[in-house]
Amino acid sequence: MDYNQLKGPVKAAILVRSLGKAAADRLLNSLSDNERTVVYRQLDQMGTVSAEITEYVAKEFADITSELA
């Protein structure tokens, strides 16, 4: 899996999978019904994700959220 080729829905699914249940639920509940469906579909189709990819996705999310604060 090449990080540079990952699209938003795949990154969202990786992030959701890496979070605890409460945080994942909060994130998913902030999405529209359509967005949630897309993320669930990605989760269903996703195989193993390396720790390195998960870290890249988490860092990107943290960077984006810190810019919004």
Protein backbone atom coordinates (compact mmCIF):
# COMPACT_ATOMS: atom_id res chain seq x y z
CA MET A 1 0.00 0.00 0.00
CA ASP A 2 1.52 3.29 -1.13
CA TYR A 3 0.61 6.21 1.12
CA ASN A 4 0.75 8.70 -1.76
CA GLN A 5 -1.91 6.75 -3.65
CA LEU A 6 -4.44 6.65 -0.78
CA LYS A 7 -7.69 8.54 -1.29
CA GLY A 8 -9.69 10.27 1.45
CA PRO A 9 -12.18 7.44 2.14
CA VAL A 10 -9.39 4.91 2.56
CA LYS A 11 -7.51 7.26 4.89
CA ALA A 12 -10.69 7.80 6.91
CA ALA A 13 -11.17 4.04 7.22
CA ILE A 14 -7.56 3.57 8.35
CA LEU A 15 -8.01 6.30 10.94
CA VAL A 16 -11.29 4.83 12.20
CA ARG A 17 -9.71 1.40 12.51
CA SER A 18 -6.81 2.84 14.52
CA LEU A 19 -9.01 4.70 17.01
CA GLY A 20 -10.67 3.30 20.09
CA LYS A 21 -14.39 2.59 19.86
CA ALA A 22 -15.54 5.83 21.52
CA ALA A 23 -13.33 8.05 19.34
CA ALA A 24 -14.21 6.10 16.19
CA ASP A 25 -17.92 6.45 17.00
CA ARG A 26 -17.54 10.22 17.49
CA LEU A 27 -15.71 10.56 14.19
CA LEU A 28 -18.22 8.41 12.30
CA ASN A 29 -21.16 10.29 13.84
CA SER A 30 -19.71 13.57 12.55
CA LEU A 31 -19.98 12.28 8.96
CA SER A 32 -23.00 12.41 6.69
CA ASP A 33 -24.90 9.16 6.04
CA ASN A 34 -23.27 8.89 2.62
CA GLU A 35 -19.77 9.50 3.98
CA ARG A 36 -20.33 6.93 6.73
CA THR A 37 -21.47 4.37 4.15
CA VAL A 38 -18.34 4.98 2.08
CA VAL A 39 -16.07 4.59 5.11
CA TYR A 40 -17.83 1.38 6.21
CA ARG A 41 -17.43 0.01 2.69
CA GLN A 42 -13.71 0.78 2.80
CA LEU A 43 -13.41 -0.89 6.20
CA ASP A 44 -15.09 -4.01 4.84
CA GLN A 45 -12.73 -4.16 1.86
CA MET A 46 -9.54 -3.22 3.70
CA GLY A 47 -6.88 -5.78 4.34
CA THR A 48 -3.93 -5.43 6.64
CA VAL A 49 -2.52 -1.92 6.98
CA SER A 50 1.06 -1.45 8.10
CA ALA A 51 1.88 0.50 11.21
CA GLU A 52 3.83 2.93 9.03
CA ILE A 53 0.79 3.76 6.87
CA THR A 54 -1.40 4.09 9.97
CA GLU A 55 1.11 6.53 11.48
CA TYR A 56 1.18 8.63 8.29
CA VAL A 57 -2.61 8.83 8.25
CA ALA A 58 -2.80 9.72 11.95
CA LYS A 59 -0.14 12.42 11.52
CA GLU A 60 -1.96 13.90 8.52
CA PHE A 61 -5.21 13.98 10.51
CA ALA A 62 -3.47 15.60 13.49
CA ASP A 63 -1.86 18.21 11.22
CA ILE A 64 -5.19 19.07 9.59
CA THR A 65 -7.06 19.33 12.89
CA SER A 66 -4.35 21.48 14.44
CA GLU A 67 -4.62 23.89 11.50
CA LEU A 68 -8.36 24.20 12.11
CA ALA A 69 -7.98 24.97 15.82
